[in-house]
């Protein structure tokens, strides 16, 4: 059983979440807290496997509670709160810096998409309950993964110097993307294209958060614009992002793939088709298999492909599926991926 603690200042929300989690055969709600002090006491008393945390609490904010829990009695925390604007969304991403693993906009009871959004929350909480966290706020399953030189899997790369870097991620992606971008030099000589699976209304907040944390020129792609070196482009909400042979953005509202739009698959397929040997494809942490087959297409077309290793992936779905089919040239821990990208861009081979 997954033991979950619900923290929210609304009695209605606490009752609703208790009912929704109670319907799941693998969940047990061990308690509900209406404020930060009670939440901290209950974490100490009940030792839950995972906590859902509201941002707005009567005695303090979600930052303080999350930070205190992670410092004193660390447990996986999923933020579930109401975000009404891009600045609110940016606040959600800032909460990831305090130790939270993920966040969701609070669903509106009776809304048309309530069941779908609640199902997403339950799935995220289920996945995050398996992540091992420690006082230093590691987001990875193994606490010793940085203490010894990681075993890097690599085969010889014979492609050309990179013309574009494309990155795909899902669950756990914001933190992973942040780390990779922090390890890339500002003004890197190629455009970097990113598809991150994201709930509606959050992409602008993520871009602002990443700008503040990395110093890169980061923007949301616009249809028809040319992808310029040194700029990071994110797929906009509700549109698949592809790249043309002329290095311009192609945005389409084609139907979602497995309920997802934008998809990593659409970006990777266009890169393999139009650029081939000039591409570096990177697949980071995420649930499912979006992008795995298309990463293999990039490799077959002569591009260089990297996947995040299992030890540093919050969810090893997408990179794991890519590994199974032989799509990865290199399998690297998160803290080595940025340097590997730079090596390929600058030298034309993995180093």
C-alpha atoms as a PDB file:
ATOM      1  CA  UNK A   1       0.000   0.000   0.000  1.00  0.00           C
ATOM      2  CA  UNK A   2       1.097   3.566  -0.760  1.00  0.00           C
ATOM      3  CA  UNK A   3       0.599   5.667   2.345  1.00  0.00           C
ATOM      4  CA  UNK A   4      -0.353   9.222   1.382  1.00  0.00           C
ATOM      5  CA  UNK A   5      -0.737  12.353   3.522  1.00  0.00           C
ATOM      6  CA  UNK A   6      -2.999  15.096   2.148  1.00  0.00           C
ATOM      7  CA  UNK A   7      -2.172  18.706   3.047  1.00  0.00           C
ATOM      8  CA  UNK A   8      -4.728  21.364   2.085  1.00  0.00           C
ATOM      9  CA  UNK A   9      -6.425  24.244   3.882  1.00  0.00           C
ATOM     10  CA  UNK A  10      -9.812  23.399   2.330  1.00  0.00           C
ATOM     11  CA  UNK A  11     -11.907  20.809   4.152  1.00  0.00           C
ATOM     12  CA  UNK A  12     -13.798  20.155   0.915  1.00  0.00           C
ATOM     13  CA  UNK A  13     -10.580  19.387  -0.974  1.00  0.00           C
ATOM     14  CA  UNK A  14      -9.271  17.187   1.828  1.00  0.00           C
ATOM     15  CA  UNK A  15     -12.501  15.186   1.810  1.00  0.00           C
ATOM     16  CA  UNK A  16     -12.525  14.948  -1.992  1.00  0.00           C
ATOM     17  CA  UNK A  17      -8.916  13.802  -2.234  1.00  0.00           C
ATOM     18  CA  UNK A  18      -9.450  11.300   0.575  1.00  0.00           C
ATOM     19  CA  UNK A  19     -12.334   9.809  -1.387  1.00  0.00           C
ATOM     20  CA  UNK A  20     -10.491   9.764  -4.728  1.00  0.00           C
ATOM     21  CA  UNK A  21      -7.329   8.169  -3.341  1.00  0.00           C
ATOM     22  CA  UNK A  22      -9.455   5.797  -1.251  1.00  0.00           C
ATOM     23  CA  UNK A  23     -10.953   4.384  -4.430  1.00  0.00           C
ATOM     24  CA  UNK A  24      -7.511   3.214  -5.547  1.00  0.00           C
ATOM     25  CA  UNK A  25      -6.656  -0.294  -4.311  1.00  0.00           C
ATOM     26  CA  UNK A  26      -2.984   0.551  -3.752  1.00  0.00           C
ATOM     27  CA  UNK A  27      -3.475   3.760  -1.713  1.00  0.00           C
ATOM     28  CA  UNK A  28      -4.116   4.385   1.963  1.00  0.00           C
ATOM     29  CA  UNK A  29      -4.757   7.930   3.205  1.00  0.00           C
ATOM     30  CA  UNK A  30      -2.950   8.023   6.555  1.00  0.00           C
ATOM     31  CA  UNK A  31      -4.000  11.550   7.436  1.00  0.00           C
ATOM     32  CA  UNK A  32      -5.096  15.028   6.385  1.00  0.00           C
ATOM     33  CA  UNK A  33      -3.515  18.293   7.504  1.00  0.00           C
ATOM     34  CA  UNK A  34      -5.048  21.754   7.201  1.00  0.00           C
ATOM     35  CA  UNK A  35      -1.880  23.750   7.933  1.00  0.00           C
ATOM     36  CA  UNK A  36       1.907  23.530   7.832  1.00  0.00           C
ATOM     37  CA  UNK A  37       2.491  22.769  11.495  1.00  0.00           C
ATOM     38  CA  UNK A  38       0.032  19.874  11.439  1.00  0.00           C
ATOM     39  CA  UNK A  39       1.553  18.597   8.211  1.00  0.00           C
ATOM     40  CA  UNK A  40       5.025  18.467   9.742  1.00  0.00           C
ATOM     41  CA  UNK A  41       3.717  16.702  12.858  1.00  0.00           C
ATOM     42  CA  UNK A  42       1.870  14.129  10.738  1.00  0.00           C
ATOM     43  CA  UNK A  43       4.910  13.450   8.549  1.00  0.00           C
ATOM     44  CA  UNK A  44       6.898  12.711  11.696  1.00  0.00           C
ATOM     45  CA  UNK A  45       4.121  10.614  13.244  1.00  0.00           C
ATOM     46  CA  UNK A  46       2.874   8.598  10.264  1.00  0.00           C
ATOM     47  CA  UNK A  47       5.970   8.440   8.002  1.00  0.00           C
ATOM     48  CA  UNK A  48       3.905   8.530   4.778  1.00  0.00           C
ATOM     49  CA  UNK A  49       5.315   7.315   1.484  1.00  0.00           C
ATOM     50  CA  UNK A  50       4.256  10.520  -0.277  1.00  0.00           C
ATOM     51  CA  UNK A  51       2.635  13.881   0.513  1.00  0.00           C
ATOM     52  CA  UNK A  52       0.296  16.048  -1.572  1.00  0.00           C
ATOM     53  CA  UNK A  53       0.947  19.674  -0.636  1.00  0.00           C
ATOM     54  CA  UNK A  54      -1.108  22.832  -1.167  1.00  0.00           C
ATOM     55  CA  UNK A  55       0.852  26.079  -1.623  1.00  0.00           C
ATOM     56  CA  UNK A  56      -1.478  28.393   0.308  1.00  0.00           C
ATOM     57  CA  UNK A  57      -1.768  27.368   3.946  1.00  0.00           C
ATOM     58  CA  UNK A  58      -3.100  29.488   6.824  1.00  0.00           C
ATOM     59  CA  UNK A  59       0.066  29.490   8.934  1.00  0.00           C
ATOM     60  CA  UNK A  60       2.781  29.489   6.254  1.00  0.00           C
ATOM     61  CA  UNK A  61       3.382  28.830   2.576  1.00  0.00           C
ATOM     62  CA  UNK A  62       4.209  25.639   0.708  1.00  0.00           C
ATOM     63  CA  UNK A  63       7.839  26.743   0.358  1.00  0.00           C
ATOM     64  CA  UNK A  64       8.437  26.767   4.102  1.00  0.00           C
ATOM     65  CA  UNK A  65       6.644  23.491   4.760  1.00  0.00           C
ATOM     66  CA  UNK A  66       8.288  21.656   1.888  1.00  0.00           C
ATOM     67  CA  UNK A  67      11.742  22.938   2.784  1.00  0.00           C
ATOM     68  CA  UNK A  68      11.316  22.011   6.461  1.00  0.00           C
ATOM     69  CA  UNK A  69      10.055  18.520   5.642  1.00  0.00           C
ATOM     70  CA  UNK A  70      12.946  17.926   3.254  1.00  0.00           C
ATOM     71  CA  UNK A  71      15.462  19.134   5.829  1.00  0.00           C
ATOM     72  CA  UNK A  72      14.076  17.222   8.816  1.00  0.00           C
ATOM     73  CA  UNK A  73      12.178  14.153   7.616  1.00  0.00           C
ATOM     74  CA  UNK A  74      12.399  13.914   3.823  1.00  0.00           C
ATOM     75  CA  UNK A  75       9.532  12.348   1.908  1.00  0.00           C
ATOM     76  CA  UNK A  76       8.415  12.621  -1.730  1.00  0.00           C
ATOM     77  CA  UNK A  77       6.196  15.711  -2.091  1.00  0.00           C
ATOM     78  CA  UNK A  78       3.799  16.470  -4.944  1.00  0.00           C
ATOM     79  CA  UNK A  79       2.461  20.028  -5.009  1.00  0.00           C
ATOM     80  CA  UNK A  80      -1.265  20.181  -5.810  1.00  0.00           C
ATOM     81  CA  UNK A  81      -2.441  23.777  -5.764  1.00  0.00           C
ATOM     82  CA  UNK A  82      -4.377  26.354  -7.771  1.00  0.00           C
ATOM     83  CA  UNK A  83      -2.301  28.212 -10.359  1.00  0.00           C
ATOM     84  CA  UNK A  84      -4.179  30.989 -12.128  1.00  0.00           C
ATOM     85  CA  UNK A  85      -1.484  32.838 -14.099  1.00  0.00           C
ATOM     86  CA  UNK A  86       1.990  32.459 -15.583  1.00  0.00           C
ATOM     87  CA  UNK A  87       3.471  33.960 -12.406  1.00  0.00           C
ATOM     88  CA  UNK A  88       1.599  31.357 -10.351  1.00  0.00           C
ATOM     89  CA  UNK A  89       2.970  28.666 -12.662  1.00  0.00           C
ATOM     90  CA  UNK A  90       6.472  30.029 -12.176  1.00  0.00           C
ATOM     91  CA  UNK A  91       5.893  29.705  -8.432  1.00  0.00           C
ATOM     92  CA  UNK A  92       5.163  26.025  -8.970  1.00  0.00           C
ATOM     93  CA  UNK A  93       8.511  25.501 -10.665  1.00  0.00           C
ATOM     94  CA  UNK A  94      10.283  27.399  -7.897  1.00  0.00           C
ATOM     95  CA  UNK A  95       8.790  24.882  -5.488  1.00  0.00           C
ATOM     96  CA  UNK A  96      10.789  22.184  -7.260  1.00  0.00           C
ATOM     97  CA  UNK A  97      13.907  23.957  -6.015  1.00  0.00           C
ATOM     98  CA  UNK A  98      12.794  23.442  -2.399  1.00  0.00           C
ATOM     99  CA  UNK A  99      12.680  19.676  -2.825  1.00  0.00           C
ATOM    100  CA  UNK A 100       9.222  18.939  -4.257  1.00  0.00           C
ATOM    101  CA  UNK A 101       9.286  16.357  -7.040  1.00  0.00           C
ATOM    102  CA  UNK A 102       6.339  17.502  -9.166  1.00  0.00           C
ATOM    103  CA  UNK A 103       3.323  19.749  -9.160  1.00  0.00           C
ATOM    104  CA  UNK A 104      -0.191  19.836 -10.583  1.00  0.00           C
ATOM    105  CA  UNK A 105      -2.874  22.464 -10.913  1.00  0.00           C
ATOM    106  CA  UNK A 106      -5.740  21.655  -8.565  1.00  0.00           C
ATOM    107  CA  UNK A 107      -8.685  20.266 -10.588  1.00  0.00           C
ATOM    108  CA  UNK A 108     -12.057  21.993 -10.414  1.00  0.00           C
ATOM    109  CA  UNK A 109     -14.657  19.632  -8.974  1.00  0.00           C
ATOM    110  CA  UNK A 110     -17.441  19.197 -11.502  1.00  0.00           C
ATOM    111  CA  UNK A 111     -15.289  20.551 -14.333  1.00  0.00           C
ATOM    112  CA  UNK A 112     -15.379  18.855 -17.719  1.00  0.00           C
ATOM    113  CA  UNK A 113     -11.851  17.507 -17.296  1.00  0.00           C
ATOM    114  CA  UNK A 114     -11.987  16.748 -13.577  1.00  0.00           C
ATOM    115  CA  UNK A 115     -11.715  12.957 -13.908  1.00  0.00           C
ATOM    116  CA  UNK A 116      -8.833  13.168 -16.378  1.00  0.00           C
ATOM    117  CA  UNK A 117      -6.864  15.665 -14.303  1.00  0.00           C
ATOM    118  CA  UNK A 118      -7.491  13.781 -11.074  1.00  0.00           C
ATOM    119  CA  UNK A 119      -6.257  10.606 -12.754  1.00  0.00           C
ATOM    120  CA  UNK A 120      -3.057  12.440 -13.739  1.00  0.00           C
ATOM    121  CA  UNK A 121      -2.532  13.553 -10.142  1.00  0.00           C
ATOM    122  CA  UNK A 122      -3.052  10.047  -8.794  1.00  0.00           C
ATOM    123  CA  UNK A 123      -0.620   8.617 -11.350  1.00  0.00           C
ATOM    124  CA  UNK A 124       2.021  11.210 -10.481  1.00  0.00           C
ATOM    125  CA  UNK A 125       1.618  10.591  -6.751  1.00  0.00           C
ATOM    126  CA  UNK A 126       1.916   6.858  -7.383  1.00  0.00           C
ATOM    127  CA  UNK A 127       5.130   7.317  -9.374  1.00  0.00           C
ATOM    128  CA  UNK A 128       6.674   9.805  -6.949  1.00  0.00           C
ATOM    129  CA  UNK A 129       6.033   7.521  -3.986  1.00  0.00           C
ATOM    130  CA  UNK A 130       8.763   5.249  -5.380  1.00  0.00           C
ATOM    131  CA  UNK A 131      11.425   7.966  -5.520  1.00  0.00           C
ATOM    132  CA  UNK A 132      13.991   7.842  -2.768  1.00  0.00           C
ATOM    133  CA  UNK A 133      14.733  11.270  -1.317  1.00  0.00           C
ATOM    134  CA  UNK A 134      17.322  12.303   1.255  1.00  0.00           C
ATOM    135  CA  UNK A 135      18.045  15.369   3.362  1.00  0.00           C
ATOM    136  CA  UNK A 136      20.257  16.858   0.678  1.00  0.00           C
ATOM    137  CA  UNK A 137      17.124  16.850  -1.485  1.00  0.00           C
ATOM    138  CA  UNK A 138      18.376  14.287  -3.946  1.00  0.00           C
ATOM    139  CA  UNK A 139      15.633  13.442  -6.462  1.00  0.00           C
ATOM    140  CA  UNK A 140      17.169  10.153  -7.413  1.00  0.00           C
ATOM    141  CA  UNK A 141      16.556   6.612  -6.245  1.00  0.00           C
ATOM    142  CA  UNK A 142      20.156   5.907  -5.280  1.00  0.00           C
ATOM    143  CA  UNK A 143      21.834   8.078  -2.674  1.00  0.00           C
ATOM    144  CA  UNK A 144      25.328   6.935  -3.647  1.00  0.00           C
ATOM    145  CA  UNK A 145      25.092   7.556  -7.391  1.00  0.00           C
ATOM    146  CA  UNK A 146      27.479  10.520  -7.247  1.00  0.00           C
ATOM    147  CA  UNK A 147      30.132   8.920  -5.012  1.00  0.00           C
ATOM    148  CA  UNK A 148      31.831   6.885  -7.674  1.00  0.00           C
ATOM    149  CA  UNK A 149      32.632   7.404 -11.316  1.00  0.00           C
ATOM    150  CA  UNK A 150      29.516   6.323 -13.263  1.00  0.00           C
ATOM    151  CA  UNK A 151      29.792   3.574 -15.820  1.00  0.00           C
ATOM    152  CA  UNK A 152      29.225   5.266 -19.192  1.00  0.00           C
ATOM    153  CA  UNK A 153      27.970   3.210 -22.110  1.00  0.00           C
ATOM    154  CA  UNK A 154      29.158   4.511 -25.467  1.00  0.00           C
ATOM    155  CA  UNK A 155      29.831   3.305 -28.990  1.00  0.00           C
ATOM    156  CA  UNK A 156      31.952   5.063 -31.612  1.00  0.00           C
ATOM    157  CA  UNK A 157      30.219   8.040 -33.229  1.00  0.00           C
ATOM    158  CA  UNK A 158      31.017   8.817 -36.872  1.00  0.00           C
ATOM    159  CA  UNK A 159      28.503  11.576 -37.546  1.00  0.00           C
ATOM    160  CA  UNK A 160      29.040  15.214 -38.408  1.00  0.00           C
ATOM    161  CA  UNK A 161      29.333  18.167 -36.072  1.00  0.00           C
ATOM    162  CA  UNK A 162      25.957  18.847 -34.455  1.00  0.00           C
ATOM    163  CA  UNK A 163      23.665  21.374 -36.110  1.00  0.00           C
ATOM    164  CA  UNK A 164      20.830  21.135 -33.604  1.00  0.00           C
ATOM    165  CA  UNK A 165      20.162  19.598 -30.188  1.00  0.00           C
ATOM    166  CA  UNK A 166      16.696  18.226 -29.499  1.00  0.00           C
ATOM    167  CA  UNK A 167      15.578  17.184 -26.006  1.00  0.00           C
ATOM    168  CA  UNK A 168      12.473  15.299 -24.908  1.00  0.00           C
ATOM    169  CA  UNK A 169      11.215  14.784 -21.355  1.00  0.00           C
ATOM    170  CA  UNK A 170       8.099  14.036 -19.337  1.00  0.00           C
ATOM    171  CA  UNK A 171       7.700  13.155 -15.642  1.00  0.00           C
ATOM    172  CA  UNK A 172      10.583  14.669 -13.703  1.00  0.00           C
ATOM    173  CA  UNK A 173      11.647  16.587 -16.793  1.00  0.00           C
ATOM    174  CA  UNK A 174      11.731  20.170 -15.507  1.00  0.00           C
ATOM    175  CA  UNK A 175      14.471  19.431 -12.980  1.00  0.00           C
ATOM    176  CA  UNK A 176      16.415  17.343 -15.507  1.00  0.00           C
ATOM    177  CA  UNK A 177      16.144  19.969 -18.253  1.00  0.00           C
ATOM    178  CA  UNK A 178      17.259  22.644 -15.815  1.00  0.00           C
ATOM    179  CA  UNK A 179      20.401  20.655 -14.976  1.00  0.00           C
ATOM    180  CA  UNK A 180      21.265  19.986 -18.621  1.00  0.00           C
ATOM    181  CA  UNK A 181      20.816  23.649 -19.596  1.00  0.00           C
ATOM    182  CA  UNK A 182      22.906  24.782 -16.630  1.00  0.00           C
ATOM    183  CA  UNK A 183      25.721  22.614 -17.976  1.00  0.00           C
ATOM    184  CA  UNK A 184      25.530  24.117 -21.478  1.00  0.00           C
ATOM    185  CA  UNK A 185      27.491  27.312 -22.152  1.00  0.00           C
ATOM    186  CA  UNK A 186      25.373  30.394 -22.774  1.00  0.00           C
ATOM    187  CA  UNK A 187      25.468  31.076 -26.502  1.00  0.00           C
ATOM    188  CA  UNK A 188      26.168  27.451 -27.465  1.00  0.00           C
ATOM    189  CA  UNK A 189      26.659  27.390 -31.226  1.00  0.00           C
ATOM    190  CA  UNK A 190      23.504  25.449 -32.089  1.00  0.00           C
ATOM    191  CA  UNK A 191      19.789  25.857 -31.426  1.00  0.00           C
ATOM    192  CA  UNK A 192      18.336  23.635 -28.688  1.00  0.00           C
ATOM    193  CA  UNK A 193      14.756  22.415 -29.170  1.00  0.00           C
ATOM    194  CA  UNK A 194      12.804  21.024 -26.201  1.00  0.00           C
ATOM    195  CA  UNK A 195       9.530  19.150 -25.848  1.00  0.00           C
ATOM    196  CA  UNK A 196       8.355  18.746 -22.256  1.00  0.00           C
ATOM    197  CA  UNK A 197       5.042  17.064 -21.483  1.00  0.00           C
ATOM    198  CA  UNK A 198       3.216  19.730 -19.486  1.00  0.00           C
ATOM    199  CA  UNK A 199      -0.276  20.427 -18.173  1.00  0.00           C
ATOM    200  CA  UNK A 200      -2.035  23.374 -19.746  1.00  0.00           C
ATOM    201  CA  UNK A 201      -1.038  26.854 -18.599  1.00  0.00           C
ATOM    202  CA  UNK A 202       2.471  26.038 -17.336  1.00  0.00           C
ATOM    203  CA  UNK A 203       4.859  26.396 -20.253  1.00  0.00           C
ATOM    204  CA  UNK A 204       5.375  30.167 -19.875  1.00  0.00           C
ATOM    205  CA  UNK A 205       6.087  29.768 -16.171  1.00  0.00           C
ATOM    206  CA  UNK A 206       8.609  27.031 -16.926  1.00  0.00           C
ATOM    207  CA  UNK A 207      10.394  29.205 -19.488  1.00  0.00           C
ATOM    208  CA  UNK A 208      10.652  32.101 -17.012  1.00  0.00           C
ATOM    209  CA  UNK A 209      11.905  29.790 -14.261  1.00  0.00           C
ATOM    210  CA  UNK A 210      14.566  28.315 -16.542  1.00  0.00           C
ATOM    211  CA  UNK A 211      15.678  31.758 -17.712  1.00  0.00           C
ATOM    212  CA  UNK A 212      16.248  32.782 -14.097  1.00  0.00           C
ATOM    213  CA  UNK A 213      18.148  29.592 -13.293  1.00  0.00           C
ATOM    214  CA  UNK A 214      20.296  29.109 -16.398  1.00  0.00           C
ATOM    215  CA  UNK A 215      20.964  32.506 -17.997  1.00  0.00           C
ATOM    216  CA  UNK A 216      20.077  31.175 -21.466  1.00  0.00           C
ATOM    217  CA  UNK A 217      17.946  32.909 -24.074  1.00  0.00           C
ATOM    218  CA  UNK A 218      14.858  30.720 -23.762  1.00  0.00           C
ATOM    219  CA  UNK A 219      11.616  31.229 -25.631  1.00  0.00           C
ATOM    220  CA  UNK A 220       8.480  29.476 -26.841  1.00  0.00           C
ATOM    221  CA  UNK A 221       8.746  28.626 -30.534  1.00  0.00           C
ATOM    222  CA  UNK A 222       6.667  30.530 -33.097  1.00  0.00           C
ATOM    223  CA  UNK A 223       5.513  29.053 -36.391  1.00  0.00           C
ATOM    224  CA  UNK A 224       7.842  29.786 -39.297  1.00  0.00           C
ATOM    225  CA  UNK A 225      10.664  31.352 -37.287  1.00  0.00           C
ATOM    226  CA  UNK A 226      14.214  30.242 -37.928  1.00  0.00           C
ATOM    227  CA  UNK A 227      15.886  28.365 -35.118  1.00  0.00           C
ATOM    228  CA  UNK A 228      18.956  30.413 -34.202  1.00  0.00           C
ATOM    229  CA  UNK A 229      22.176  29.166 -32.577  1.00  0.00           C
ATOM    230  CA  UNK A 230      22.478  29.887 -28.872  1.00  0.00           C
ATOM    231  CA  UNK A 231      18.730  29.964 -28.286  1.00  0.00           C
ATOM    232  CA  UNK A 232      16.582  27.401 -26.435  1.00  0.00           C
ATOM    233  CA  UNK A 233      13.141  26.808 -27.978  1.00  0.00           C
ATOM    234  CA  UNK A 234      10.227  25.080 -26.230  1.00  0.00           C
ATOM    235  CA  UNK A 235       7.254  23.589 -28.024  1.00  0.00           C
ATOM    236  CA  UNK A 236       4.179  25.731 -27.298  1.00  0.00           C
ATOM    237  CA  UNK A 237       1.171  24.411 -25.460  1.00  0.00           C
ATOM    238  CA  UNK A 238      -1.201  22.430 -27.669  1.00  0.00           C
ATOM    239  CA  UNK A 239       1.051  22.220 -30.752  1.00  0.00           C
ATOM    240  CA  UNK A 240       3.449  19.620 -32.076  1.00  0.00           C
ATOM    241  CA  UNK A 241       6.808  21.192 -32.884  1.00  0.00           C
ATOM    242  CA  UNK A 242       8.864  20.032 -35.863  1.00  0.00           C
ATOM    243  CA  UNK A 243      11.920  21.351 -37.687  1.00  0.00           C
ATOM    244  CA  UNK A 244      12.135  21.858 -41.441  1.00  0.00           C
ATOM    245  CA  UNK A 245      15.177  21.215 -43.624  1.00  0.00           C
ATOM    246  CA  UNK A 246      15.648  25.018 -43.629  1.00  0.00           C
ATOM    247  CA  UNK A 247      15.929  25.027 -39.814  1.00  0.00           C
ATOM    248  CA  UNK A 248      12.551  26.728 -39.303  1.00  0.00           C
ATOM    249  CA  UNK A 249       9.797  25.927 -36.837  1.00  0.00           C
ATOM    250  CA  UNK A 250       6.810  23.945 -38.064  1.00  0.00           C
ATOM    251  CA  UNK A 251       3.941  23.960 -35.557  1.00  0.00           C
ATOM    252  CA  UNK A 252       0.898  21.763 -36.147  1.00  0.00           C
ATOM    253  CA  UNK A 253      -2.324  21.079 -34.305  1.00  0.00           C
ATOM    254  CA  UNK A 254      -2.445  17.479 -35.522  1.00  0.00           C
ATOM    255  CA  UNK A 255      -4.299  15.122 -33.159  1.00  0.00           C
ATOM    256  CA  UNK A 256      -2.576  14.197 -29.885  1.00  0.00           C
ATOM    257  CA  UNK A 257      -0.534  10.995 -29.892  1.00  0.00           C
ATOM    258  CA  UNK A 258      -1.526   8.761 -26.975  1.00  0.00           C
ATOM    259  CA  UNK A 259      -3.270  11.802 -25.511  1.00  0.00           C
ATOM    260  CA  UNK A 260      -0.137  13.963 -25.753  1.00  0.00           C
ATOM    261  CA  UNK A 261       0.411  17.176 -27.711  1.00  0.00           C
ATOM    262  CA  UNK A 262       3.146  18.247 -28.180  1.00  0.00           C
ATOM    263  CA  UNK A 263       4.982  14.951 -28.523  1.00  0.00           C
ATOM    264  CA  UNK A 264       8.672  14.216 -28.463  1.00  0.00           C
ATOM    265  CA  UNK A 265       8.044  11.792 -31.319  1.00  0.00           C
ATOM    266  CA  UNK A 266       6.992  14.531 -33.741  1.00  0.00           C
ATOM    267  CA  UNK A 267      10.128  16.588 -33.054  1.00  0.00           C
ATOM    268  CA  UNK A 268      12.544  13.661 -33.202  1.00  0.00           C
ATOM    269  CA  UNK A 269      11.001  12.266 -36.403  1.00  0.00           C
ATOM    270  CA  UNK A 270      11.322  15.617 -38.180  1.00  0.00           C
ATOM    271  CA  UNK A 271      14.922  15.994 -37.039  1.00  0.00           C
ATOM    272  CA  UNK A 272      15.832  12.522 -38.304  1.00  0.00           C
ATOM    273  CA  UNK A 273      14.019  13.155 -41.586  1.00  0.00           C
ATOM    274  CA  UNK A 274      15.364  16.631 -42.326  1.00  0.00           C
ATOM    275  CA  UNK A 275      18.770  16.844 -40.634  1.00  0.00           C
ATOM    276  CA  UNK A 276      19.976  13.312 -40.001  1.00  0.00           C
ATOM    277  CA  UNK A 277      23.683  13.332 -39.192  1.00  0.00           C
ATOM    278  CA  UNK A 278      23.554  16.895 -37.958  1.00  0.00           C
ATOM    279  CA  UNK A 279      21.341  16.130 -34.952  1.00  0.00           C
ATOM    280  CA  UNK A 280      21.954  15.357 -31.300  1.00  0.00           C
ATOM    281  CA  UNK A 281      18.896  13.697 -29.754  1.00  0.00           C
ATOM    282  CA  UNK A 282      18.489  13.533 -25.963  1.00  0.00           C
ATOM    283  CA  UNK A 283      15.770  11.609 -24.132  1.00  0.00           C
ATOM    284  CA  UNK A 284      15.367  12.357 -20.434  1.00  0.00           C
ATOM    285  CA  UNK A 285      13.260  11.026 -17.566  1.00  0.00           C
ATOM    286  CA  UNK A 286       9.600  10.359 -18.305  1.00  0.00           C
ATOM    287  CA  UNK A 287       6.740   7.895 -18.225  1.00  0.00           C
ATOM    288  CA  UNK A 288       5.773   5.916 -21.327  1.00  0.00           C
ATOM    289  CA  UNK A 289       7.706   5.563 -24.553  1.00  0.00           C
ATOM    290  CA  UNK A 290       7.207   8.883 -26.355  1.00  0.00           C
ATOM    291  CA  UNK A 291      10.226   9.572 -28.554  1.00  0.00           C
ATOM    292  CA  UNK A 292      11.900   6.171 -28.180  1.00  0.00           C
ATOM    293  CA  UNK A 293      11.260   4.888 -31.717  1.00  0.00           C
ATOM    294  CA  UNK A 294      12.089   8.251 -33.236  1.00  0.00           C
ATOM    295  CA  UNK A 295      15.351   8.466 -31.266  1.00  0.00           C
ATOM    296  CA  UNK A 296      16.275   5.231 -33.016  1.00  0.00           C
ATOM    297  CA  UNK A 297      15.466   6.946 -36.338  1.00  0.00           C
ATOM    298  CA  UNK A 298      17.889   9.726 -35.408  1.00  0.00           C
ATOM    299  CA  UNK A 299      20.603   7.194 -34.663  1.00  0.00           C
ATOM    300  CA  UNK A 300      19.965   5.293 -37.895  1.00  0.00           C
ATOM    301  CA  UNK A 301      20.176   8.540 -39.854  1.00  0.00           C
ATOM    302  CA  UNK A 302      23.642   9.174 -38.425  1.00  0.00           C
ATOM    303  CA  UNK A 303      22.768  11.472 -35.536  1.00  0.00           C
ATOM    304  CA  UNK A 304      24.154  11.203 -32.022  1.00  0.00           C
ATOM    305  CA  UNK A 305      21.753   9.972 -29.339  1.00  0.00           C
ATOM    306  CA  UNK A 306      21.867  10.219 -25.542  1.00  0.00           C
ATOM    307  CA  UNK A 307      19.506   8.861 -22.902  1.00  0.00           C
ATOM    308  CA  UNK A 308      19.479   9.541 -19.175  1.00  0.00           C
ATOM    309  CA  UNK A 309      20.470   6.535 -17.089  1.00  0.00           C
ATOM    310  CA  UNK A 310      18.162   4.726 -14.688  1.00  0.00           C
ATOM    311  CA  UNK A 311      19.906   5.802 -11.493  1.00  0.00           C
ATOM    312  CA  UNK A 312      19.287   9.502 -12.109  1.00  0.00           C
ATOM    313  CA  UNK A 313      15.894   9.244 -13.828  1.00  0.00           C
ATOM    314  CA  UNK A 314      12.882   9.952 -11.672  1.00  0.00           C
ATOM    315  CA  UNK A 315      10.923   7.716 -14.057  1.00  0.00           C
ATOM    316  CA  UNK A 316      12.900   5.427 -16.360  1.00  0.00           C
ATOM    317  CA  UNK A 317      10.103   4.887 -18.870  1.00  0.00           C
ATOM    318  CA  UNK A 318      11.041   6.862 -21.975  1.00  0.00           C
ATOM    319  CA  UNK A 319      14.830   6.449 -21.718  1.00  0.00           C
ATOM    320  CA  UNK A 320      14.415   2.807 -20.738  1.00  0.00           C
ATOM    321  CA  UNK A 321      12.274   2.068 -23.793  1.00  0.00           C
ATOM    322  CA  UNK A 322      14.852   3.769 -26.008  1.00  0.00           C
ATOM    323  CA  UNK A 323      17.602   1.601 -24.516  1.00  0.00           C
ATOM    324  CA  UNK A 324      15.612  -1.576 -25.129  1.00  0.00           C
ATOM    325  CA  UNK A 325      15.472  -0.970 -28.878  1.00  0.00           C
ATOM    326  CA  UNK A 326      19.076   0.155 -29.232  1.00  0.00           C
ATOM    327  CA  UNK A 327      18.315   3.832 -29.819  1.00  0.00           C
ATOM    328  CA  UNK A 328      21.024   5.163 -27.496  1.00  0.00           C
ATOM    329  CA  UNK A 329      24.611   5.827 -28.506  1.00  0.00           C
ATOM    330  CA  UNK A 330      25.355   6.981 -24.941  1.00  0.00           C
ATOM    331  CA  UNK A 331      23.621   6.243 -21.632  1.00  0.00           C
ATOM    332  CA  UNK A 332      24.664   8.886 -19.126  1.00  0.00           C
ATOM    333  CA  UNK A 333      23.872  10.134 -15.632  1.00  0.00           C
ATOM    334  CA  UNK A 334      22.195  13.521 -15.607  1.00  0.00           C
ATOM    335  CA  UNK A 335      25.296  15.410 -14.502  1.00  0.00           C
ATOM    336  CA  UNK A 336      27.239  14.164 -17.559  1.00  0.00           C
ATOM    337  CA  UNK A 337      24.715  14.906 -20.310  1.00  0.00           C
ATOM    338  CA  UNK A 338      25.428  18.618 -20.725  1.00  0.00           C
ATOM    339  CA  UNK A 339      29.167  18.028 -21.059  1.00  0.00           C
ATOM    340  CA  UNK A 340      28.550  15.289 -23.598  1.00  0.00           C
ATOM    341  CA  UNK A 341      26.395  17.609 -25.712  1.00  0.00           C
ATOM    342  CA  UNK A 342      29.127  20.244 -25.653  1.00  0.00           C
ATOM    343  CA  UNK A 343      31.726  17.646 -26.638  1.00  0.00           C
ATOM    344  CA  UNK A 344      29.714  16.512 -29.659  1.00  0.00           C
ATOM    345  CA  UNK A 345      28.835  20.041 -30.755  1.00  0.00           C
ATOM    346  CA  UNK A 346      32.431  21.214 -30.492  1.00  0.00           C
ATOM    347  CA  UNK A 347      34.232  18.097 -31.622  1.00  0.00           C
ATOM    348  CA  UNK A 348      31.824  16.064 -33.716  1.00  0.00           C
ATOM    349  CA  UNK A 349      32.245  12.987 -31.539  1.00  0.00           C
ATOM    350  CA  UNK A 350      31.391  11.811 -28.073  1.00  0.00           C
ATOM    351  CA  UNK A 351      34.153  12.455 -25.568  1.00  0.00           C
END
